[in-house]
Amino acid sequence: MRIIKREIRIAGFDDAPFIPRSKGKVPVVGVVFRGGEFLDGVYKTDVEIDGMDATKVLIKLINKSKHKEQLRVVMFNGITIGGFNMINISKLWEKTGLPVIAINRREPNLKKIRTALRKFDDFEKRWNCIEEAGRIHRMKIEKNKNIYYQFKGLKQTEAESIIRLSCTRSQIPEPLRVAHLIASALVKGESGGRA
């Protein structure tokens, strides 16, 4: 097992709020954190609402980043962004060389997600992103609170160590919490809501 340093550089990404069933692009904010303690940088890009460009856009953003050399892991709030714009975490790991962890506050209901994805002509491609992300694991964060996660490029013990290390102020990792706050402020003028 690799040694997980307290100030491991983590890039966390979340999308801004948008009106359901709307068209166009949605802002996506990323932050670079040292563990769960210090903010080192901020990214901003856009992806198509319900599109299929998120993986490509994020790979390009990460690979061109001045922070790339220090980054050790990338985190997402689930494997969808901008509605049902799927993030292929296997491809992202392969093309950036950075391990990926996708976090959910609640256990994803795959049956409901599958039903929702059936409305897209490219259902198989979208569903494949979910299957490639692998098994959904549960992790106890607080006495009666769990989070759910998927990962690529790490051992499970390493993924859990990074999650614990970065959950400094809430039950989700600080890079995701802060990315969410910034993304919501971009659209609403003020941060709000839970990541």
Protein backbone atom coordinates (compact mmCIF):
# COMPACT_ATOMS: atom_id res chain seq x y z
CA MET A 1 0.00 0.00 0.00
CA ARG A 2 1.18 3.48 -0.83
CA ILE A 3 1.69 5.91 2.02
CA ILE A 4 -1.14 8.44 1.97
CA LYS A 5 0.34 11.76 3.05
CA ARG A 6 -1.77 14.15 5.11
CA GLU A 7 -1.42 16.87 2.45
CA ILE A 8 -2.11 14.64 -0.57
CA ARG A 9 -3.21 16.85 -3.48
CA ILE A 10 -6.84 16.09 -4.41
CA ALA A 11 -8.85 17.64 -7.24
CA GLY A 12 -12.58 17.62 -6.44
CA PHE A 13 -15.26 18.51 -9.03
CA ASP A 14 -18.96 19.36 -8.87
CA ASP A 15 -21.45 20.96 -11.22
CA ALA A 16 -23.52 24.08 -10.64
CA PRO A 17 -27.28 23.90 -10.18
CA PHE A 18 -29.40 24.10 -13.33
CA ILE A 19 -33.06 23.86 -14.29
CA PRO A 20 -34.02 20.22 -14.95
CA ARG A 21 -34.75 19.43 -18.62
CA SER A 22 -33.01 22.61 -19.73
CA LYS A 23 -30.57 22.69 -22.64
CA GLY A 24 -27.14 24.19 -23.01
CA LYS A 25 -24.13 24.06 -20.78
CA VAL A 26 -23.65 23.95 -17.03
CA PRO A 27 -20.59 25.27 -15.16
CA VAL A 28 -18.35 22.70 -13.49
CA VAL A 29 -16.00 23.79 -10.71
CA GLY A 30 -12.95 21.93 -9.53
CA VAL A 31 -10.78 22.68 -6.54
CA VAL A 32 -7.32 21.46 -5.62
CA PHE A 33 -7.00 20.67 -1.94
CA ARG A 34 -4.13 19.49 0.21
CA GLY A 35 -5.88 16.66 2.02
CA GLY A 36 -8.93 18.18 3.64
CA GLU A 37 -7.18 21.28 4.90
CA PHE A 38 -5.85 23.80 2.37
CA LEU A 39 -7.25 25.13 -0.89
CA ASP A 40 -4.49 25.39 -3.50
CA GLY A 41 -6.35 26.14 -6.71
CA VAL A 42 -9.67 26.40 -8.56
CA TYR A 43 -10.77 25.20 -12.01
CA LYS A 44 -13.81 26.18 -14.04
CA THR A 45 -15.16 24.62 -17.21
CA ASP A 46 -18.54 23.81 -18.78
CA VAL A 47 -20.22 20.62 -19.97
CA GLU A 48 -23.39 19.97 -21.95
CA ILE A 49 -26.48 19.30 -19.86
CA ASP A 50 -27.32 15.61 -20.43
CA GLY A 51 -24.53 15.47 -23.02
CA MET A 52 -21.64 13.02 -23.26
CA ASP A 53 -18.68 15.40 -23.23
CA ALA A 54 -17.80 15.42 -19.50
CA THR A 55 -15.08 12.76 -19.65
CA LYS A 56 -13.32 14.41 -22.59
CA VAL A 57 -13.62 17.93 -21.14
CA LEU A 58 -12.31 16.87 -17.71
CA ILE A 59 -9.40 14.86 -19.13
CA LYS A 60 -8.30 17.87 -21.16
CA LEU A 61 -8.68 20.26 -18.20
CA ILE A 62 -6.71 18.02 -15.81
CA ASN A 63 -3.94 17.19 -18.29
CA LYS A 64 -3.35 20.88 -19.14
CA SER A 65 -3.47 22.02 -15.50
CA LYS A 66 -0.46 23.61 -13.85
CA HIS A 67 -1.43 21.52 -10.79
CA LYS A 68 -1.21 18.19 -12.65
CA GLU A 69 2.28 17.26 -11.40
CA GLN A 70 1.21 17.56 -7.75
CA LEU A 71 -2.20 15.89 -8.08
CA ARG A 72 -2.51 12.38 -6.68
CA VAL A 73 -6.26 11.69 -6.97
CA VAL A 74 -9.42 13.11 -8.56
CA MET A 75 -12.85 13.07 -6.84
CA PHE A 76 -16.35 13.51 -8.16
CA ASN A 77 -19.76 13.81 -6.59
CA GLY A 78 -21.04 10.64 -8.32
CA ILE A 79 -20.29 9.64 -11.91
CA THR A 80 -22.78 12.01 -13.54
CA ILE A 81 -22.42 15.73 -13.95
CA GLY A 82 -24.73 18.19 -15.66
CA GLY A 83 -27.71 15.86 -15.36
CA PHE A 84 -26.87 12.57 -17.04
CA ASN A 85 -23.56 13.59 -18.60
CA MET A 86 -21.62 10.47 -17.65
CA ILE A 87 -18.05 10.50 -16.37
CA ASN A 88 -16.21 7.38 -17.48
CA ILE A 89 -13.92 7.07 -14.45
CA SER A 90 -11.96 4.19 -16.04
CA LYS A 91 -11.13 6.30 -19.08
CA LEU A 92 -10.35 9.34 -16.94
CA TRP A 93 -7.88 7.29 -14.87
CA GLU A 94 -6.33 5.81 -18.02
CA LYS A 95 -5.94 9.16 -19.83
CA THR A 96 -4.76 11.28 -16.87
CA GLY A 97 -2.84 8.63 -14.93
CA LEU A 98 -4.63 9.80 -11.77
CA PRO A 99 -6.75 7.52 -9.58
CA VAL A 100 -10.43 8.48 -9.35
CA ILE A 101 -12.94 8.26 -6.49
CA ALA A 102 -16.66 8.96 -7.04
CA ILE A 103 -18.61 9.71 -3.84
CA ASN A 104 -22.37 9.60 -3.17
CA ARG A 105 -24.18 10.63 0.01
CA ARG A 106 -26.87 8.02 -0.67
CA GLU A 107 -26.65 4.61 -2.26
CA PRO A 108 -27.41 5.07 -5.97
CA ASN A 109 -30.62 3.36 -7.09
CA LEU A 110 -29.31 1.64 -10.21
CA LYS A 111 -32.77 0.45 -11.25
CA LYS A 112 -34.10 4.03 -11.34
CA ILE A 113 -30.96 5.28 -13.06
CA ARG A 114 -31.21 2.58 -15.72
CA THR A 115 -34.86 3.52 -16.36
CA ALA A 116 -33.94 7.23 -16.66
CA LEU A 117 -31.06 6.49 -19.05
CA ARG A 118 -33.36 4.52 -21.39
CA LYS A 119 -34.68 7.83 -22.76
CA PHE A 120 -31.29 8.46 -24.42
CA ASP A 121 -30.48 7.05 -27.86
CA ASP A 122 -27.00 6.16 -26.60
CA PHE A 123 -28.31 4.29 -23.55
CA GLU A 124 -25.74 1.47 -23.90
CA LYS A 125 -22.80 3.88 -23.91
CA ARG A 126 -24.10 5.69 -20.82
CA TRP A 127 -24.92 2.47 -18.96
CA ASN A 128 -21.45 1.15 -19.82
CA CYS A 129 -19.92 4.07 -17.84
CA ILE A 130 -21.84 2.88 -14.77
CA GLU A 131 -20.78 -0.73 -15.24
CA GLU A 132 -17.13 0.21 -15.81
CA ALA A 133 -17.12 2.26 -12.60
CA GLY A 134 -17.40 -1.02 -10.71
CA ARG A 135 -19.04 -2.07 -7.50
CA ILE A 136 -20.54 0.55 -5.19
CA HIS A 137 -18.90 0.33 -1.76
CA ARG A 138 -20.33 1.57 1.53
CA MET A 139 -18.18 3.30 4.13
CA LYS A 140 -19.15 4.42 7.64
CA ILE A 141 -18.17 8.06 8.15
CA GLU A 142 -19.88 8.84 11.44
CA LYS A 143 -21.73 6.73 13.98
CA ASN A 144 -24.94 6.42 11.95
CA LYS A 145 -23.85 7.89 8.62
CA ASN A 146 -22.49 6.16 5.54
CA ILE A 147 -21.26 7.33 2.18
CA TYR A 148 -21.04 5.27 -0.99
CA TYR A 149 -18.15 5.28 -3.40
CA GLN A 150 -16.60 3.77 -6.51
CA PHE A 151 -12.95 4.00 -7.46
CA LYS A 152 -10.32 3.26 -10.11
CA GLY A 153 -6.54 3.19 -9.88
CA LEU A 154 -6.28 2.54 -6.12
CA LYS A 155 -6.69 -0.25 -3.64
CA GLN A 156 -9.90 -0.08 -1.60
CA THR A 157 -7.93 0.60 1.59
CA GLU A 158 -6.17 3.52 -0.11
CA ALA A 159 -9.47 4.96 -1.37
CA GLU A 160 -10.96 4.77 2.13
CA SER A 161 -7.86 6.31 3.69
CA ILE A 162 -8.07 9.27 1.28
CA ILE A 163 -11.80 9.70 1.92
CA ARG A 164 -11.30 9.71 5.72
CA LEU A 165 -8.35 12.09 5.48
CA SER A 166 -10.31 14.59 3.39
CA CYS A 167 -13.59 14.51 5.40
CA THR A 168 -12.52 17.26 7.78
CA ARG A 169 -15.64 19.41 8.06
CA SER A 170 -18.54 17.25 6.94
CA GLN A 171 -19.39 13.71 5.95
CA ILE A 172 -18.16 14.27 2.40
CA PRO A 173 -14.59 15.12 1.39
CA GLU A 174 -13.68 18.78 1.66
CA PRO A 175 -12.67 19.12 -2.03
CA LEU A 176 -16.22 18.11 -3.06
CA ARG A 177 -17.90 20.30 -0.43
CA VAL A 178 -15.94 23.39 -1.48
CA ALA A 179 -16.37 22.73 -5.22
CA HIS A 180 -20.12 22.51 -4.60
CA LEU A 181 -20.19 25.80 -2.67
CA ILE A 182 -18.30 27.67 -5.39
CA ALA A 183 -20.34 26.11 -8.22
CA SER A 184 -23.65 27.04 -6.59
CA ALA A 185 -22.47 30.61 -5.96
CA LEU A 186 -21.55 30.98 -9.65
CA VAL A 187 -25.16 30.41 -10.64
CA LYS A 188 -27.18 31.62 -7.64
CA GLY A 189 -24.91 34.44 -6.51
CA GLU A 190 -24.59 32.72 -3.14
CA SER A 191 -23.56 29.26 -2.03
CA GLY A 192 -26.13 26.84 -0.72
CA GLY A 193 -27.44 23.31 -0.68
CA ARG A 194 -25.65 20.09 0.16
CA ALA A 195 -22.97 18.58 -2.03
